[in-house]
Amino acid sequence: MTLHPKYITDGSGNKNAVVLPIKEYTKLLEELEELEDIRLYDEAKKQDDGFRVNLKDYIKKRKGKNA
């Protein structure tokens, strides 16, 4: 992804802020969200113990708790 930032500086030339075109900003947010999804997926895979519950059994158990 190519970004075209514009920097806002103070009187001494120190960069204090960045301005991006809205399309680039939106794309950057989408990329960050995808990276977060990947990180969460990888974390979940590490914690997976292989235990699974059949959906019908889960629903039956859940209905029993709510009764």
PDB file of N, CA and C in Angstrom:
ATOM      1  N   MET A   1       0.854  -1.165   0.000  1.00  0.00           N
ATOM      2  CA  MET A   1       0.000   0.000   0.000  1.00  0.00           C
ATOM      3  C   MET A   1       0.906   1.236   0.000  1.00  0.00           C
ATOM      4  N   THR A   2       0.579   2.158  -0.845  1.00  0.00           N
ATOM      5  CA  THR A   2       1.328   3.405  -0.918  1.00  0.00           C
ATOM      6  C   THR A   2       0.544   4.502  -0.215  1.00  0.00           C
ATOM      7  N   LEU A   3       1.216   5.193   0.699  1.00  0.00           N
ATOM      8  CA  LEU A   3       0.588   6.287   1.429  1.00  0.00           C
ATOM      9  C   LEU A   3       1.194   7.611   0.978  1.00  0.00           C
ATOM     10  N   HIS A   4       0.384   8.640   1.010  1.00  0.00           N
ATOM     11  CA  HIS A   4       0.824   9.983   0.660  1.00  0.00           C
ATOM     12  C   HIS A   4       0.530  10.918   1.825  1.00  0.00           C
ATOM     13  N   PRO A   5       1.330  10.806   2.907  1.00  0.00           N
ATOM     14  CA  PRO A   5       1.065  11.618   4.093  1.00  0.00           C
ATOM     15  C   PRO A   5       1.482  13.070   3.898  1.00  0.00           C
ATOM     16  N   LYS A   6       0.774  13.937   4.564  1.00  0.00           N
ATOM     17  CA  LYS A   6       1.141  15.350   4.674  1.00  0.00           C
ATOM     18  C   LYS A   6       1.401  15.590   6.161  1.00  0.00           C
ATOM     19  N   TYR A   7       2.532  16.182   6.466  1.00  0.00           N
ATOM     20  CA  TYR A   7       2.909  16.392   7.858  1.00  0.00           C
ATOM     21  C   TYR A   7       2.604  17.813   8.306  1.00  0.00           C
ATOM     22  N   ILE A   8       2.118  17.917   9.516  1.00  0.00           N
ATOM     23  CA  ILE A   8       1.883  19.210  10.125  1.00  0.00           C
ATOM     24  C   ILE A   8       3.020  19.428  11.120  1.00  0.00           C
ATOM     25  N   THR A   9       3.712  20.551  10.963  1.00  0.00           N
ATOM     26  CA  THR A   9       4.873  20.815  11.807  1.00  0.00           C
ATOM     27  C   THR A   9       4.649  22.070  12.648  1.00  0.00           C
ATOM     28  N   ASP A  10       5.448  22.144  13.714  1.00  0.00           N
ATOM     29  CA  ASP A  10       5.402  23.349  14.540  1.00  0.00           C
ATOM     30  C   ASP A  10       6.396  24.368  13.973  1.00  0.00           C
ATOM     31  N   GLY A  11       6.572  25.455  14.659  1.00  0.00           N
ATOM     32  CA  GLY A  11       7.462  26.517  14.197  1.00  0.00           C
ATOM     33  C   GLY A  11       8.916  26.099  14.080  1.00  0.00           C
ATOM     34  N   SER A  12       9.293  25.039  14.802  1.00  0.00           N
ATOM     35  CA  SER A  12      10.675  24.547  14.756  1.00  0.00           C
ATOM     36  C   SER A  12      10.866  23.465  13.710  1.00  0.00           C
ATOM     37  N   GLY A  13       9.796  23.103  13.022  1.00  0.00           N
ATOM     38  CA  GLY A  13       9.897  22.061  11.999  1.00  0.00           C
ATOM     39  C   GLY A  13       9.673  20.657  12.522  1.00  0.00           C
ATOM     40  N   ASN A  14       9.287  20.513  13.791  1.00  0.00           N
ATOM     41  CA  ASN A  14       9.004  19.192  14.370  1.00  0.00           C
ATOM     42  C   ASN A  14       7.641  18.712  13.887  1.00  0.00           C
ATOM     43  N   LYS A  15       7.598  17.474  13.427  1.00  0.00           N
ATOM     44  CA  LYS A  15       6.339  16.894  12.946  1.00  0.00           C
ATOM     45  C   LYS A  15       5.438  16.590  14.134  1.00  0.00           C
ATOM     46  N   ASN A  16       4.210  17.122  14.113  1.00  0.00           N
ATOM     47  CA  ASN A  16       3.265  16.938  15.211  1.00  0.00           C
ATOM     48  C   ASN A  16       2.043  16.119  14.829  1.00  0.00           C
ATOM     49  N   ALA A  17       1.731  16.057  13.540  1.00  0.00           N
ATOM     50  CA  ALA A  17       0.534  15.343  13.098  1.00  0.00           C
ATOM     51  C   ALA A  17       0.714  14.929  11.644  1.00  0.00           C
ATOM     52  N   VAL A  18      -0.148  13.997  11.231  1.00  0.00           N
ATOM     53  CA  VAL A  18      -0.127  13.500   9.859  1.00  0.00           C
ATOM     54  C   VAL A  18      -1.535  13.569   9.302  1.00  0.00           C
ATOM     55  N   VAL A  19      -1.650  13.970   8.054  1.00  0.00           N
ATOM     56  CA  VAL A  19      -2.927  14.002   7.362  1.00  0.00           C
ATOM     57  C   VAL A  19      -2.817  13.070   6.160  1.00  0.00           C
ATOM     58  N   LEU A  20      -3.823  12.190   6.022  1.00  0.00           N
ATOM     59  CA  LEU A  20      -3.870  11.251   4.891  1.00  0.00           C
ATOM     60  C   LEU A  20      -5.150  11.490   4.103  1.00  0.00           C
ATOM     61  N   PRO A  21      -5.104  11.226   2.797  1.00  0.00           N
ATOM     62  CA  PRO A  21      -6.359  11.229   2.043  1.00  0.00           C
ATOM     63  C   PRO A  21      -7.301  10.177   2.627  1.00  0.00           C
ATOM     64  N   ILE A  22      -8.594  10.453   2.623  1.00  0.00           N
ATOM     65  CA  ILE A  22      -9.568   9.574   3.277  1.00  0.00           C
ATOM     66  C   ILE A  22      -9.518   8.154   2.723  1.00  0.00           C
ATOM     67  N   LYS A  23      -9.302   7.980   1.432  1.00  0.00           N
ATOM     68  CA  LYS A  23      -9.223   6.624   0.858  1.00  0.00           C
ATOM     69  C   LYS A  23      -8.039   5.858   1.440  1.00  0.00           C
ATOM     70  N   GLU A  24      -6.902   6.526   1.595  1.00  0.00           N
ATOM     71  CA  GLU A  24      -5.725   5.870   2.171  1.00  0.00           C
ATOM     72  C   GLU A  24      -5.955   5.556   3.642  1.00  0.00           C
ATOM     73  N   TYR A  25      -6.574   6.485   4.360  1.00  0.00           N
ATOM     74  CA  TYR A  25      -6.874   6.270   5.774  1.00  0.00           C
ATOM     75  C   TYR A  25      -7.809   5.070   5.946  1.00  0.00           C
ATOM     76  N   THR A  26      -8.862   5.011   5.127  1.00  0.00           N
ATOM     77  CA  THR A  26      -9.817   3.908   5.199  1.00  0.00           C
ATOM     78  C   THR A  26      -9.134   2.578   4.894  1.00  0.00           C
ATOM     79  N   LYS A  27      -8.311   2.564   3.864  1.00  0.00           N
ATOM     80  CA  LYS A  27      -7.582   1.335   3.501  1.00  0.00           C
ATOM     81  C   LYS A  27      -6.649   0.919   4.630  1.00  0.00           C
ATOM     82  N   LEU A  28      -5.983   1.876   5.247  1.00  0.00           N
ATOM     83  CA  LEU A  28      -5.091   1.587   6.367  1.00  0.00           C
ATOM     84  C   LEU A  28      -5.857   0.964   7.530  1.00  0.00           C
ATOM     85  N   LEU A  29      -7.032   1.499   7.847  1.00  0.00           N
ATOM     86  CA  LEU A  29      -7.865   0.923   8.908  1.00  0.00           C
ATOM     87  C   LEU A  29      -8.292  -0.501   8.572  1.00  0.00           C
ATOM     88  N   GLU A  30      -8.668  -0.747   7.317  1.00  0.00           N
ATOM     89  CA  GLU A  30      -9.065  -2.091   6.899  1.00  0.00           C
ATOM     90  C   GLU A  30      -7.907  -3.074   7.043  1.00  0.00           C
ATOM     91  N   GLU A  31      -6.717  -2.647   6.655  1.00  0.00           N
ATOM     92  CA  GLU A  31      -5.533  -3.500   6.779  1.00  0.00           C
ATOM     93  C   GLU A  31      -5.239  -3.809   8.249  1.00  0.00           C
ATOM     94  N   LEU A  32      -5.357  -2.807   9.111  1.00  0.00           N
ATOM     95  CA  LEU A  32      -5.122  -3.020  10.541  1.00  0.00           C
ATOM     96  C   LEU A  32      -6.143  -3.980  11.139  1.00  0.00           C
ATOM     97  N   GLU A  33      -7.409  -3.849  10.732  1.00  0.00           N
ATOM     98  CA  GLU A  33      -8.445  -4.759  11.226  1.00  0.00           C
ATOM     99  C   GLU A  33      -8.173  -6.184  10.780  1.00  0.00           C
ATOM    100  N   GLU A  34      -7.721  -6.350   9.542  1.00  0.00           N
ATOM    101  CA  GLU A  34      -7.407  -7.696   9.059  1.00  0.00           C
ATOM    102  C   GLU A  34      -6.231  -8.292   9.815  1.00  0.00           C
ATOM    103  N   LEU A  35      -5.219  -7.491  10.087  1.00  0.00           N
ATOM    104  CA  LEU A  35      -4.085  -7.985  10.872  1.00  0.00           C
ATOM    105  C   LEU A  35      -4.514  -8.379  12.282  1.00  0.00           C
ATOM    106  N   GLU A  36      -5.418  -7.613  12.873  1.00  0.00           N
ATOM    107  CA  GLU A  36      -5.932  -7.950  14.207  1.00  0.00           C
ATOM    108  C   GLU A  36      -6.711  -9.260  14.162  1.00  0.00           C
ATOM    109  N   ASP A  37      -7.507  -9.459  13.117  1.00  0.00           N
ATOM    110  CA  ASP A  37      -8.239 -10.723  12.950  1.00  0.00           C
ATOM    111  C   ASP A  37      -7.267 -11.893  12.849  1.00  0.00           C
ATOM    112  N   ILE A  38      -6.211 -11.718  12.079  1.00  0.00           N
ATOM    113  CA  ILE A  38      -5.207 -12.781  11.924  1.00  0.00           C
ATOM    114  C   ILE A  38      -4.538 -13.076  13.260  1.00  0.00           C
ATOM    115  N   ARG A  39      -4.202 -12.019  14.006  1.00  0.00           N
ATOM    116  CA  ARG A  39      -3.572 -12.208  15.313  1.00  0.00           C
ATOM    117  C   ARG A  39      -4.496 -12.963  16.260  1.00  0.00           C
ATOM    118  N   LEU A  40      -5.766 -12.591  16.284  1.00  0.00           N
ATOM    119  CA  LEU A  40      -6.721 -13.268  17.158  1.00  0.00           C
ATOM    120  C   LEU A  40      -6.923 -14.724  16.739  1.00  0.00           C
ATOM    121  N   TYR A  41      -6.956 -14.980  15.438  1.00  0.00           N
ATOM    122  CA  TYR A  41      -7.090 -16.353  14.941  1.00  0.00           C
ATOM    123  C   TYR A  41      -5.894 -17.185  15.384  1.00  0.00           C
ATOM    124  N   ASP A  42      -4.690 -16.649  15.196  1.00  0.00           N
ATOM    125  CA  ASP A  42      -3.482 -17.381  15.597  1.00  0.00           C
ATOM    126  C   ASP A  42      -3.482 -17.659  17.093  1.00  0.00           C
ATOM    127  N   GLU A  43      -3.926 -16.688  17.886  1.00  0.00           N
ATOM    128  CA  GLU A  43      -3.997 -16.866  19.336  1.00  0.00           C
ATOM    129  C   GLU A  43      -5.005 -17.967  19.692  1.00  0.00           C
ATOM    130  N   ALA A  44      -6.154 -17.957  19.035  1.00  0.00           N
ATOM    131  CA  ALA A  44      -7.182 -18.974  19.295  1.00  0.00           C
ATOM    132  C   ALA A  44      -6.680 -20.363  18.906  1.00  0.00           C
ATOM    133  N   LYS A  45      -5.960 -20.455  17.803  1.00  0.00           N
ATOM    134  CA  LYS A  45      -5.429 -21.755  17.372  1.00  0.00           C
ATOM    135  C   LYS A  45      -4.459 -22.320  18.406  1.00  0.00           C
ATOM    136  N   LYS A  46      -3.661 -21.460  19.031  1.00  0.00           N
ATOM    137  CA  LYS A  46      -2.711 -21.914  20.052  1.00  0.00           C
ATOM    138  C   LYS A  46      -3.449 -22.469  21.263  1.00  0.00           C
ATOM    139  N   GLN A  47      -4.626 -21.896  21.583  1.00  0.00           N
ATOM    140  CA  GLN A  47      -5.377 -22.297  22.770  1.00  0.00           C
ATOM    141  C   GLN A  47      -6.357 -23.438  22.494  1.00  0.00           C
ATOM    142  N   ASP A  48      -6.477 -23.852  21.250  1.00  0.00           N
ATOM    143  CA  ASP A  48      -7.445 -24.895  20.878  1.00  0.00           C
ATOM    144  C   ASP A  48      -7.016 -26.235  21.459  1.00  0.00           C
ATOM    145  N   ASP A  49      -7.893 -26.834  22.276  1.00  0.00           N
ATOM    146  CA  ASP A  49      -7.589 -28.138  22.867  1.00  0.00           C
ATOM    147  C   ASP A  49      -8.264 -29.283  22.108  1.00  0.00           C
ATOM    148  N   GLY A  50      -8.966 -28.951  21.031  1.00  0.00           N
ATOM    149  CA  GLY A  50      -9.594 -29.973  20.213  1.00  0.00           C
ATOM    150  C   GLY A  50     -10.999 -30.353  20.647  1.00  0.00           C
ATOM    151  N   PHE A  51     -11.463 -29.870  21.792  1.00  0.00           N
ATOM    152  CA  PHE A  51     -12.789 -30.198  22.291  1.00  0.00           C
ATOM    153  C   PHE A  51     -13.848 -29.524  21.428  1.00  0.00           C
ATOM    154  N   ARG A  52     -14.847 -30.308  20.996  1.00  0.00           N
ATOM    155  CA  ARG A  52     -15.932 -29.780  20.182  1.00  0.00           C
ATOM    156  C   ARG A  52     -17.262 -30.246  20.756  1.00  0.00           C
ATOM    157  N   VAL A  53     -18.307 -29.447  20.545  1.00  0.00           N
ATOM    158  CA  VAL A  53     -19.651 -29.792  20.985  1.00  0.00           C
ATOM    159  C   VAL A  53     -20.551 -29.772  19.762  1.00  0.00           C
ATOM    160  N   ASN A  54     -21.356 -30.820  19.611  1.00  0.00           N
ATOM    161  CA  ASN A  54     -22.333 -30.885  18.539  1.00  0.00           C
ATOM    162  C   ASN A  54     -23.362 -29.786  18.757  1.00  0.00           C
ATOM    163  N   LEU A  55     -23.736 -29.065  17.695  1.00  0.00           N
ATOM    164  CA  LEU A  55     -24.664 -27.943  17.818  1.00  0.00           C
ATOM    165  C   LEU A  55     -25.993 -28.373  18.427  1.00  0.00           C
ATOM    166  N   LYS A  56     -26.529 -29.514  18.014  1.00  0.00           N
ATOM    167  CA  LYS A  56     -27.805 -29.976  18.564  1.00  0.00           C
ATOM    168  C   LYS A  56     -27.691 -30.226  20.060  1.00  0.00           C
ATOM    169  N   ASP A  57     -26.581 -30.811  20.490  1.00  0.00           N
ATOM    170  CA  ASP A  57     -26.372 -31.060  21.917  1.00  0.00           C
ATOM    171  C   ASP A  57     -26.247 -29.754  22.696  1.00  0.00           C
ATOM    172  N   TYR A  58     -25.553 -28.787  22.117  1.00  0.00           N
ATOM    173  CA  TYR A  58     -25.393 -27.477  22.759  1.00  0.00           C
ATOM    174  C   TYR A  58     -26.756 -26.802  22.936  1.00  0.00           C
ATOM    175  N   ILE A  59     -27.552 -26.807  21.883  1.00  0.00           N
ATOM    176  CA  ILE A  59     -28.874 -26.174  21.948  1.00  0.00           C
ATOM    177  C   ILE A  59     -29.748 -26.859  22.980  1.00  0.00           C
ATOM    178  N   LYS A  60     -29.708 -28.188  22.999  1.00  0.00           N
ATOM    179  CA  LYS A  60     -30.499 -28.946  23.976  1.00  0.00           C
ATOM    180  C   LYS A  60     -30.069 -28.599  25.400  1.00  0.00           C
ATOM    181  N   LYS A  61     -28.760 -28.536  25.635  1.00  0.00           N
ATOM    182  CA  LYS A  61     -28.244 -28.202  26.958  1.00  0.00           C
ATOM    183  C   LYS A  61     -28.609 -26.767  27.334  1.00  0.00           C
ATOM    184  N   ARG A  62     -28.526 -25.870  26.400  1.00  0.00           N
ATOM    185  CA  ARG A  62     -28.831 -24.461  26.652  1.00  0.00           C
ATOM    186  C   ARG A  62     -30.306 -24.281  26.993  1.00  0.00           C
ATOM    187  N   LYS A  63     -31.180 -24.970  26.250  1.00  0.00           N
ATOM    188  CA  LYS A  63     -32.612 -24.896  26.539  1.00  0.00           C
ATOM    189  C   LYS A  63     -32.900 -25.424  27.936  1.00  0.00           C
ATOM    190  N   GLY A  64     -32.209 -26.462  28.333  1.00  0.00           N
ATOM    191  CA  GLY A  64     -32.402 -27.038  29.669  1.00  0.00           C
ATOM    192  C   GLY A  64     -32.000 -26.057  30.761  1.00  0.00           C
ATOM    193  N   LYS A  65     -30.956 -25.262  30.539  1.00  0.00           N
ATOM    194  CA  LYS A  65     -30.520 -24.283  31.531  1.00  0.00           C
ATOM    195  C   LYS A  65     -31.493 -23.111  31.625  1.00  0.00           C
ATOM    196  N   ASN A  66     -32.132 -22.766  30.528  1.00  0.00           N
ATOM    197  CA  ASN A  66     -33.035 -21.622  30.501  1.00  0.00           C
ATOM    198  C   ASN A  66     -34.455 -21.972  30.947  1.00  0.00           C
ATOM    199  N   ALA A  67     -34.720 -23.246  31.130  1.00  0.00           N
ATOM    200  CA  ALA A  67     -36.078 -23.658  31.499  1.00  0.00           C
ATOM    201  C   ALA A  67     -36.373 -23.407  32.959  1.00  0.00           C
TER     202      ALA A  67
END
